[in-house]
PDB file of N, CA and C in Angstrom:
ATOM      1  N   TYR A   1       0.813  -1.174   0.000  1.00  0.00           N
ATOM      2  CA  TYR A   1       0.000   0.000   0.000  1.00  0.00           C
ATOM      3  C   TYR A   1       0.865   1.250   0.000  1.00  0.00           C
ATOM      4  N   ALA A   2       1.907   1.240   0.795  1.00  0.00           N
ATOM      5  CA  ALA A   2       2.804   2.402   0.865  1.00  0.00           C
ATOM      6  C   ALA A   2       3.384   2.729  -0.508  1.00  0.00           C
ATOM      7  N   HIS A   3       3.704   1.718  -1.282  1.00  0.00           N
ATOM      8  CA  HIS A   3       4.228   1.942  -2.631  1.00  0.00           C
ATOM      9  C   HIS A   3       3.252   2.764  -3.459  1.00  0.00           C
ATOM     10  N   TRP A   4       1.973   2.402  -3.437  1.00  0.00           N
ATOM     11  CA  TRP A   4       0.983   3.087  -4.267  1.00  0.00           C
ATOM     12  C   TRP A   4       0.681   4.492  -3.749  1.00  0.00           C
ATOM     13  N   ILE A   5       0.717   4.655  -2.451  1.00  0.00           N
ATOM     14  CA  ILE A   5       0.563   6.012  -1.897  1.00  0.00           C
ATOM     15  C   ILE A   5       1.698   6.894  -2.405  1.00  0.00           C
ATOM     16  N   ARG A   6       2.928   6.399  -2.335  1.00  0.00           N
ATOM     17  CA  ARG A   6       4.078   7.188  -2.796  1.00  0.00           C
ATOM     18  C   ARG A   6       3.973   7.487  -4.290  1.00  0.00           C
ATOM     19  N   GLU A   7       3.544   6.523  -5.073  1.00  0.00           N
ATOM     20  CA  GLU A   7       3.383   6.757  -6.521  1.00  0.00           C
ATOM     21  C   GLU A   7       2.407   7.909  -6.769  1.00  0.00           C
ATOM     22  N   GLY A   8       1.277   7.861  -6.125  1.00  0.00           N
ATOM     23  CA  GLY A   8       0.277   8.912  -6.302  1.00  0.00           C
ATOM     24  C   GLY A   8       0.717  10.245  -5.737  1.00  0.00           C
ATOM     25  N   PHE A   9       1.318  10.223  -4.557  1.00  0.00           N
ATOM     26  CA  PHE A   9       1.769  11.465  -3.923  1.00  0.00           C
ATOM     27  C   PHE A   9       2.920  12.102  -4.685  1.00  0.00           C
ATOM     28  N   ASP A  10       3.792  11.291  -5.282  1.00  0.00           N
ATOM     29  CA  ASP A  10       4.877  11.856  -6.105  1.00  0.00           C
ATOM     30  C   ASP A  10       4.290  12.696  -7.234  1.00  0.00           C
ATOM     31  N   ALA A  11       3.286  12.154  -7.905  1.00  0.00           N
ATOM     32  CA  ALA A  11       2.652  12.876  -9.015  1.00  0.00           C
ATOM     33  C   ALA A  11       1.882  14.087  -8.514  1.00  0.00           C
ATOM     34  N   LEU A  12       1.124  13.916  -7.446  1.00  0.00           N
ATOM     35  CA  LEU A  12       0.317  15.022  -6.931  1.00  0.00           C
ATOM     36  C   LEU A  12       1.180  16.158  -6.414  1.00  0.00           C
ATOM     37  N   GLU A  13       2.247  15.836  -5.735  1.00  0.00           N
ATOM     38  CA  GLU A  13       3.137  16.884  -5.206  1.00  0.00           C
ATOM     39  C   GLU A  13       3.644  17.763  -6.346  1.00  0.00           C
ATOM     40  N   GLN A  14       3.959  17.163  -7.486  1.00  0.00           N
ATOM     41  CA  GLN A  14       4.404  17.954  -8.641  1.00  0.00           C
ATOM     42  C   GLN A  14       3.271  18.811  -9.191  1.00  0.00           C
ATOM     43  N   LEU A  15       2.071  18.263  -9.261  1.00  0.00           N
ATOM     44  CA  LEU A  15       0.930  19.031  -9.756  1.00  0.00           C
ATOM     45  C   LEU A  15       0.624  20.232  -8.861  1.00  0.00           C
ATOM     46  N   LEU A  16       0.896  20.079  -7.577  1.00  0.00           N
ATOM     47  CA  LEU A  16       0.611  21.163  -6.638  1.00  0.00           C
ATOM     48  C   LEU A  16       1.639  22.294  -6.710  1.00  0.00           C
ATOM     49  N   GLN A  17       2.679  22.133  -7.512  1.00  0.00           N
ATOM     50  CA  GLN A  17       3.654  23.197  -7.744  1.00  0.00           C
ATOM     51  C   GLN A  17       3.126  24.092  -8.860  1.00  0.00           C
ATOM     52  N   SER A  18       1.945  24.615  -8.671  1.00  0.00           N
ATOM     53  CA  SER A  18       1.242  25.364  -9.702  1.00  0.00           C
ATOM     54  C   SER A  18       0.749  26.686  -9.133  1.00  0.00           C
ATOM     55  N   PRO A  19       0.642  27.696  -9.965  1.00  0.00           N
ATOM     56  CA  PRO A  19       0.095  28.972  -9.490  1.00  0.00           C
ATOM     57  C   PRO A  19      -1.361  28.857  -9.029  1.00  0.00           C
ATOM     58  N   GLN A  20      -2.088  27.840  -9.492  1.00  0.00           N
ATOM     59  CA  GLN A  20      -3.473  27.652  -9.062  1.00  0.00           C
ATOM     60  C   GLN A  20      -3.592  27.101  -7.649  1.00  0.00           C
ATOM     61  N   THR A  21      -2.515  26.538  -7.139  1.00  0.00           N
ATOM     62  CA  THR A  21      -2.537  26.028  -5.766  1.00  0.00           C
ATOM     63  C   THR A  21      -2.504  27.224  -4.826  1.00  0.00           C
ATOM     64  N   GLY A  22      -3.411  27.204  -3.885  1.00  0.00           N
ATOM     65  CA  GLY A  22      -3.467  28.258  -2.876  1.00  0.00           C
ATOM     66  C   GLY A  22      -3.389  27.633  -1.498  1.00  0.00           C
ATOM     67  N   ARG A  23      -4.287  28.048  -0.636  1.00  0.00           N
ATOM     68  CA  ARG A  23      -4.360  27.417   0.689  1.00  0.00           C
ATOM     69  C   ARG A  23      -4.720  25.949   0.552  1.00  0.00           C
ATOM     70  N   PHE A  24      -5.446  25.628  -0.522  1.00  0.00           N
ATOM     71  CA  PHE A  24      -5.920  24.270  -0.750  1.00  0.00           C
ATOM     72  C   PHE A  24      -5.421  23.789  -2.113  1.00  0.00           C
ATOM     73  N   CYS A  25      -5.848  22.620  -2.536  1.00  0.00           N
ATOM     74  CA  CYS A  25      -5.338  22.040  -3.784  1.00  0.00           C
ATOM     75  C   CYS A  25      -5.542  22.944  -4.995  1.00  0.00           C
ATOM     76  N   HIS A  26      -6.660  23.646  -5.016  1.00  0.00           N
ATOM     77  CA  HIS A  26      -6.949  24.492  -6.177  1.00  0.00           C
ATOM     78  C   HIS A  26      -7.594  25.786  -5.677  1.00  0.00           C
ATOM     79  N   GLY A  27      -6.766  26.694  -5.244  1.00  0.00           N
ATOM     80  CA  GLY A  27      -7.273  27.975  -4.779  1.00  0.00           C
ATOM     81  C   GLY A  27      -7.317  28.078  -3.265  1.00  0.00           C
ATOM     82  N   ASP A  28      -8.121  29.042  -2.815  1.00  0.00           N
ATOM     83  CA  ASP A  28      -8.151  29.349  -1.382  1.00  0.00           C
ATOM     84  C   ASP A  28      -9.405  28.870  -0.674  1.00  0.00           C
ATOM     85  N   THR A  29     -10.203  28.070  -1.357  1.00  0.00           N
ATOM     86  CA  THR A  29     -11.348  27.421  -0.718  1.00  0.00           C
ATOM     87  C   THR A  29     -11.279  25.933  -1.038  1.00  0.00           C
ATOM     88  N   PRO A  30     -11.756  25.096  -0.129  1.00  0.00           N
ATOM     89  CA  PRO A  30     -11.701  23.651  -0.362  1.00  0.00           C
ATOM     90  C   PRO A  30     -12.537  23.250  -1.576  1.00  0.00           C
ATOM     91  N   THR A  31     -12.053  22.252  -2.281  1.00  0.00           N
ATOM     92  CA  THR A  31     -12.762  21.679  -3.423  1.00  0.00           C
ATOM     93  C   THR A  31     -12.831  20.163  -3.243  1.00  0.00           C
ATOM     94  N   LEU A  32     -13.420  19.505  -4.212  1.00  0.00           N
ATOM     95  CA  LEU A  32     -13.491  18.042  -4.178  1.00  0.00           C
ATOM     96  C   LEU A  32     -12.092  17.434  -4.101  1.00  0.00           C
ATOM     97  N   ALA A  33     -11.118  18.087  -4.700  1.00  0.00           N
ATOM     98  CA  ALA A  33      -9.740  17.571  -4.640  1.00  0.00           C
ATOM     99  C   ALA A  33      -9.268  17.454  -3.195  1.00  0.00           C
ATOM    100  N   ASP A  34      -9.593  18.437  -2.378  1.00  0.00           N
ATOM    101  CA  ASP A  34      -9.197  18.392  -0.965  1.00  0.00           C
ATOM    102  C   ASP A  34      -9.956  17.297  -0.225  1.00  0.00           C
ATOM    103  N   CYS A  35     -11.241  17.130  -0.583  1.00  0.00           N
ATOM    104  CA  CYS A  35     -12.038  16.067   0.038  1.00  0.00           C
ATOM    105  C   CYS A  35     -11.477  14.686  -0.287  1.00  0.00           C
ATOM    106  N   CYS A  36     -10.832  14.547  -1.427  1.00  0.00           N
ATOM    107  CA  CYS A  36     -10.198  13.281  -1.807  1.00  0.00           C
ATOM    108  C   CYS A  36      -8.806  13.143  -1.203  1.00  0.00           C
ATOM    109  N   LEU A  37      -8.123  14.258  -1.035  1.00  0.00           N
ATOM    110  CA  LEU A  37      -6.759  14.220  -0.505  1.00  0.00           C
ATOM    111  C   LEU A  37      -6.721  13.800   0.958  1.00  0.00           C
ATOM    112  N   VAL A  38      -7.584  14.361   1.773  1.00  0.00           N
ATOM    113  CA  VAL A  38      -7.530  14.145   3.219  1.00  0.00           C
ATOM    114  C   VAL A  38      -7.588  12.662   3.596  1.00  0.00           C
ATOM    115  N   PRO A  39      -8.499  11.855   3.042  1.00  0.00           N
ATOM    116  CA  PRO A  39      -8.494  10.434   3.402  1.00  0.00           C
ATOM    117  C   PRO A  39      -7.230   9.702   2.958  1.00  0.00           C
ATOM    118  N   GLN A  40      -6.647  10.144   1.840  1.00  0.00           N
ATOM    119  CA  GLN A  40      -5.410   9.502   1.387  1.00  0.00           C
ATOM    120  C   GLN A  40      -4.264   9.796   2.352  1.00  0.00           C
ATOM    121  N   VAL A  41      -4.211  11.030   2.840  1.00  0.00           N
ATOM    122  CA  VAL A  41      -3.179  11.376   3.821  1.00  0.00           C
ATOM    123  C   VAL A  41      -3.419  10.600   5.113  1.00  0.00           C
ATOM    124  N   TYR A  42      -4.667  10.492   5.515  1.00  0.00           N
ATOM    125  CA  TYR A  42      -5.003   9.722   6.723  1.00  0.00           C
ATOM    126  C   TYR A  42      -4.488   8.290   6.590  1.00  0.00           C
ATOM    127  N   ASN A  43      -4.761   7.662   5.446  1.00  0.00           N
ATOM    128  CA  ASN A  43      -4.298   6.284   5.228  1.00  0.00           C
ATOM    129  C   ASN A  43      -2.786   6.207   5.148  1.00  0.00           C
ATOM    130  N   ALA A  44      -2.156   7.195   4.530  1.00  0.00           N
ATOM    131  CA  ALA A  44      -0.688   7.206   4.480  1.00  0.00           C
ATOM    132  C   ALA A  44      -0.121   7.233   5.889  1.00  0.00           C
ATOM    133  N   GLN A  45      -0.689   8.052   6.741  1.00  0.00           N
ATOM    134  CA  GLN A  45      -0.225   8.120   8.129  1.00  0.00           C
ATOM    135  C   GLN A  45      -0.511   6.811   8.855  1.00  0.00           C
ATOM    136  N   ARG A  46      -1.654   6.246   8.587  1.00  0.00           N
ATOM    137  CA  ARG A  46      -2.037   4.972   9.212  1.00  0.00           C
ATOM    138  C   ARG A  46      -1.052   3.866   8.861  1.00  0.00           C
ATOM    139  N   PHE A  47      -0.567   3.882   7.633  1.00  0.00           N
ATOM    140  CA  PHE A  47       0.387   2.867   7.192  1.00  0.00           C
ATOM    141  C   PHE A  47       1.830   3.340   7.309  1.00  0.00           C
ATOM    142  N   ARG A  48       2.035   4.408   8.052  1.00  0.00           N
ATOM    143  CA  ARG A  48       3.361   4.937   8.399  1.00  0.00           C
ATOM    144  C   ARG A  48       4.212   5.302   7.179  1.00  0.00           C
ATOM    145  N   VAL A  49       3.579   5.907   6.186  1.00  0.00           N
ATOM    146  CA  VAL A  49       4.313   6.420   5.030  1.00  0.00           C
ATOM    147  C   VAL A  49       4.945   7.739   5.448  1.00  0.00           C
ATOM    148  N   ASP A  50       6.230   7.887   5.225  1.00  0.00           N
ATOM    149  CA  ASP A  50       6.927   9.129   5.545  1.00  0.00           C
ATOM    150  C   ASP A  50       6.458  10.221   4.587  1.00  0.00           C
ATOM    151  N   LEU A  51       5.875  11.271   5.128  1.00  0.00           N
ATOM    152  CA  LEU A  51       5.346  12.355   4.300  1.00  0.00           C
ATOM    153  C   LEU A  51       6.340  13.498   4.130  1.00  0.00           C
ATOM    154  N   GLY A  52       7.566  13.298   4.552  1.00  0.00           N
ATOM    155  CA  GLY A  52       8.585  14.337   4.449  1.00  0.00           C
ATOM    156  C   GLY A  52       8.846  14.814   3.030  1.00  0.00           C
ATOM    157  N   ALA A  53       8.640  13.964   2.052  1.00  0.00           N
ATOM    158  CA  ALA A  53       8.878  14.333   0.651  1.00  0.00           C
ATOM    159  C   ALA A  53       7.689  15.063   0.033  1.00  0.00           C
ATOM    160  N   TYR A  54       6.650  15.294   0.831  1.00  0.00           N
ATOM    161  CA  TYR A  54       5.415  15.876   0.307  1.00  0.00           C
ATOM    162  C   TYR A  54       4.992  17.104   1.112  1.00  0.00           C
ATOM    163  N   PRO A  55       5.777  18.170   1.061  1.00  0.00           N
ATOM    164  CA  PRO A  55       5.451  19.341   1.888  1.00  0.00           C
ATOM    165  C   PRO A  55       4.155  20.037   1.490  1.00  0.00           C
ATOM    166  N   GLU A  56       3.839  20.094   0.210  1.00  0.00           N
ATOM    167  CA  GLU A  56       2.587  20.753  -0.203  1.00  0.00           C
ATOM    168  C   GLU A  56       1.385  19.914   0.210  1.00  0.00           C
ATOM    169  N   ILE A  57       1.469  18.627   0.019  1.00  0.00           N
ATOM    170  CA  ILE A  57       0.383  17.740   0.440  1.00  0.00           C
ATOM    171  C   ILE A  57       0.176  17.863   1.944  1.00  0.00           C
ATOM    172  N   SER A  58       1.251  17.851   2.695  1.00  0.00           N
ATOM    173  CA  SER A  58       1.149  17.958   4.152  1.00  0.00           C
ATOM    174  C   SER A  58       0.577  19.307   4.572  1.00  0.00           C
ATOM    175  N   ARG A  59       1.000  20.362   3.913  1.00  0.00           N
ATOM    176  CA  ARG A  59       0.518  21.706   4.242  1.00  0.00           C
ATOM    177  C   ARG A  59      -0.978  21.821   3.953  1.00  0.00           C
ATOM    178  N   ILE A  60      -1.394  21.331   2.799  1.00  0.00           N
ATOM    179  CA  ILE A  60      -2.803  21.410   2.419  1.00  0.00           C
ATOM    180  C   ILE A  60      -3.647  20.552   3.357  1.00  0.00           C
ATOM    181  N   ASN A  61      -3.169  19.384   3.703  1.00  0.00           N
ATOM    182  CA  ASN A  61      -3.898  18.536   4.646  1.00  0.00           C
ATOM    183  C   ASN A  61      -4.074  19.257   5.981  1.00  0.00           C
ATOM    184  N   ALA A  62      -3.038  19.913   6.457  1.00  0.00           N
ATOM    185  CA  ALA A  62      -3.132  20.658   7.716  1.00  0.00           C
ATOM    186  C   ALA A  62      -4.152  21.787   7.600  1.00  0.00           C
ATOM    187  N   GLU A  63      -4.168  22.477   6.463  1.00  0.00           N
ATOM    188  CA  GLU A  63      -5.174  23.540   6.243  1.00  0.00           C
ATOM    189  C   GLU A  63      -6.582  22.953   6.314  1.00  0.00           C
ATOM    190  N   CYS A  64      -6.776  21.817   5.673  1.00  0.00           N
ATOM    191  CA  CYS A  64      -8.091  21.177   5.692  1.00  0.00           C
ATOM    192  C   CYS A  64      -8.492  20.801   7.117  1.00  0.00           C
ATOM    193  N   MET A  65      -7.569  20.225   7.852  1.00  0.00           N
ATOM    194  CA  MET A  65      -7.898  19.747   9.189  1.00  0.00           C
ATOM    195  C   MET A  65      -8.163  20.888  10.175  1.00  0.00           C
ATOM    196  N   ARG A  66      -7.810  22.112   9.808  1.00  0.00           N
ATOM    197  CA  ARG A  66      -8.156  23.267  10.638  1.00  0.00           C
ATOM    198  C   ARG A  66      -9.642  23.623  10.524  1.00  0.00           C
ATOM    199  N   LEU A  67     -10.280  23.136   9.475  1.00  0.00           N
ATOM    200  CA  LEU A  67     -11.699  23.412   9.268  1.00  0.00           C
ATOM    201  C   LEU A  67     -12.545  22.412  10.062  1.00  0.00           C
ATOM    202  N   PRO A  68     -13.538  22.894  10.791  1.00  0.00           N
ATOM    203  CA  PRO A  68     -14.320  21.981  11.632  1.00  0.00           C
ATOM    204  C   PRO A  68     -15.008  20.865  10.858  1.00  0.00           C
ATOM    205  N   GLU A  69     -15.375  21.125   9.608  1.00  0.00           N
ATOM    206  CA  GLU A  69     -16.050  20.092   8.813  1.00  0.00           C
ATOM    207  C   GLU A  69     -15.127  18.914   8.518  1.00  0.00           C
ATOM    208  N   PHE A  70     -13.880  19.207   8.229  1.00  0.00           N
ATOM    209  CA  PHE A  70     -12.920  18.122   7.979  1.00  0.00           C
ATOM    210  C   PHE A  70     -12.613  17.380   9.272  1.00  0.00           C
ATOM    211  N   ALA A  71     -12.408  18.113  10.346  1.00  0.00           N
ATOM    212  CA  ALA A  71     -12.115  17.475  11.631  1.00  0.00           C
ATOM    213  C   ALA A  71     -13.274  16.576  12.066  1.00  0.00           C
ATOM    214  N   ALA A  72     -14.502  17.045  11.879  1.00  0.00           N
ATOM    215  CA  ALA A  72     -15.666  16.252  12.266  1.00  0.00           C
ATOM    216  C   ALA A  72     -15.798  14.985  11.429  1.00  0.00           C
ATOM    217  N   ALA A  73     -15.280  15.005  10.204  1.00  0.00           N
ATOM    218  CA  ALA A  73     -15.386  13.850   9.319  1.00  0.00           C
ATOM    219  C   ALA A  73     -14.300  12.799   9.549  1.00  0.00           C
ATOM    220  N   ALA A  74     -13.334  13.085  10.398  1.00  0.00           N
ATOM    221  CA  ALA A  74     -12.238  12.132  10.650  1.00  0.00           C
ATOM    222  C   ALA A  74     -12.805  10.818  11.183  1.00  0.00           C
ATOM    223  N   PRO A  75     -12.240   9.704  10.780  1.00  0.00           N
ATOM    224  CA  PRO A  75     -12.752   8.409  11.201  1.00  0.00           C
ATOM    225  C   PRO A  75     -12.897   8.270  12.725  1.00  0.00           C
ATOM    226  N   GLU A  76     -11.932   8.792  13.461  1.00  0.00           N
ATOM    227  CA  GLU A  76     -11.996   8.653  14.930  1.00  0.00           C
ATOM    228  C   GLU A  76     -13.108   9.486  15.548  1.00  0.00           C
ATOM    229  N   ASN A  77     -13.710  10.399  14.779  1.00  0.00           N
ATOM    230  CA  ASN A  77     -14.799  11.223  15.296  1.00  0.00           C
ATOM    231  C   ASN A  77     -16.184  10.727  14.885  1.00  0.00           C
ATOM    232  N   GLN A  78     -16.242   9.541  14.296  1.00  0.00           N
ATOM    233  CA  GLN A  78     -17.526   8.982  13.878  1.00  0.00           C
ATOM    234  C   GLN A  78     -18.185   8.237  15.029  1.00  0.00           C
ATOM    235  N   PRO A  79     -19.522   8.231  15.057  1.00  0.00           N
ATOM    236  CA  PRO A  79     -20.249   7.610  16.173  1.00  0.00           C
ATOM    237  C   PRO A  79     -19.898   6.147  16.402  1.00  0.00           C
ATOM    238  N   ASP A  80     -19.529   5.425  15.341  1.00  0.00           N
ATOM    239  CA  ASP A  80     -19.226   4.005  15.497  1.00  0.00           C
ATOM    240  C   ASP A  80     -17.737   3.721  15.674  1.00  0.00           C
ATOM    241  N   ALA A  81     -16.935   4.763  15.904  1.00  0.00           N
ATOM    242  CA  ALA A  81     -15.490   4.555  16.113  1.00  0.00           C
ATOM    243  C   ALA A  81     -15.275   3.800  17.416  1.00  0.00           C
ATOM    244  N   ALA A  82     -14.373   2.855  17.342  1.00  0.00           N
ATOM    245  CA  ALA A  82     -14.111   2.020  18.532  1.00  0.00           C
ATOM    246  C   ALA A  82     -13.326   2.733  19.584  1.00  0.00           C
TER     247      ALA A  82
END
Protein backbone atom coordinates (compact mmCIF):
# COMPACT_ATOMS: atom_id res chain seq x y z
CA TYR A 1 0.00 0.00 0.00
CA ALA A 2 2.80 2.40 0.87
CA HIS A 3 4.23 1.94 -2.63
CA TRP A 4 0.98 3.09 -4.27
CA ILE A 5 0.56 6.01 -1.90
CA ARG A 6 4.08 7.19 -2.80
CA GLU A 7 3.38 6.76 -6.52
CA GLY A 8 0.28 8.91 -6.30
CA PHE A 9 1.77 11.47 -3.92
CA ASP A 10 4.88 11.86 -6.11
CA ALA A 11 2.65 12.88 -9.01
CA LEU A 12 0.32 15.02 -6.93
CA GLU A 13 3.14 16.88 -5.21
CA GLN A 14 4.40 17.95 -8.64
CA LEU A 15 0.93 19.03 -9.76
CA LEU A 16 0.61 21.16 -6.64
CA GLN A 17 3.65 23.20 -7.74
CA SER A 18 1.24 25.36 -9.70
CA PRO A 19 0.09 28.97 -9.49
CA GLN A 20 -3.47 27.65 -9.06
CA THR A 21 -2.54 26.03 -5.77
CA GLY A 22 -3.47 28.26 -2.88
CA ARG A 23 -4.36 27.42 0.69
CA PHE A 24 -5.92 24.27 -0.75
CA CYS A 25 -5.34 22.04 -3.78
CA HIS A 26 -6.95 24.49 -6.18
CA GLY A 27 -7.27 27.97 -4.78
CA ASP A 28 -8.15 29.35 -1.38
CA THR A 29 -11.35 27.42 -0.72
CA PRO A 30 -11.70 23.65 -0.36
CA THR A 31 -12.76 21.68 -3.42
CA LEU A 32 -13.49 18.04 -4.18
CA ALA A 33 -9.74 17.57 -4.64
CA ASP A 34 -9.20 18.39 -0.97
CA CYS A 35 -12.04 16.07 0.04
CA CYS A 36 -10.20 13.28 -1.81
CA LEU A 37 -6.76 14.22 -0.50
CA VAL A 38 -7.53 14.14 3.22
CA PRO A 39 -8.49 10.43 3.40
CA GLN A 40 -5.41 9.50 1.39
CA VAL A 41 -3.18 11.38 3.82
CA TYR A 42 -5.00 9.72 6.72
CA ASN A 43 -4.30 6.28 5.23
CA ALA A 44 -0.69 7.21 4.48
CA GLN A 45 -0.23 8.12 8.13
CA ARG A 46 -2.04 4.97 9.21
CA PHE A 47 0.39 2.87 7.19
CA ARG A 48 3.36 4.94 8.40
CA VAL A 49 4.31 6.42 5.03
CA ASP A 50 6.93 9.13 5.54
CA LEU A 51 5.35 12.36 4.30
CA GLY A 52 8.59 14.34 4.45
CA ALA A 53 8.88 14.33 0.65
CA TYR A 54 5.42 15.88 0.31
CA PRO A 55 5.45 19.34 1.89
CA GLU A 56 2.59 20.75 -0.20
CA ILE A 57 0.38 17.74 0.44
CA SER A 58 1.15 17.96 4.15
CA ARG A 59 0.52 21.71 4.24
CA ILE A 60 -2.80 21.41 2.42
CA ASN A 61 -3.90 18.54 4.65
CA ALA A 62 -3.13 20.66 7.72
CA GLU A 63 -5.17 23.54 6.24
CA CYS A 64 -8.09 21.18 5.69
CA MET A 65 -7.90 19.75 9.19
CA ARG A 66 -8.16 23.27 10.64
CA LEU A 67 -11.70 23.41 9.27
CA PRO A 68 -14.32 21.98 11.63
CA GLU A 69 -16.05 20.09 8.81
CA PHE A 70 -12.92 18.12 7.98
CA ALA A 71 -12.12 17.47 11.63
CA ALA A 72 -15.67 16.25 12.27
CA ALA A 73 -15.39 13.85 9.32
CA ALA A 74 -12.24 12.13 10.65
CA PRO A 75 -12.75 8.41 11.20
CA GLU A 76 -12.00 8.65 14.93
CA ASN A 77 -14.80 11.22 15.30
CA GLN A 78 -17.53 8.98 13.88
CA PRO A 79 -20.25 7.61 16.17
CA ASP A 80 -19.23 4.00 15.50
CA ALA A 81 -15.49 4.55 16.11
CA ALA A 82 -14.11 2.02 18.53
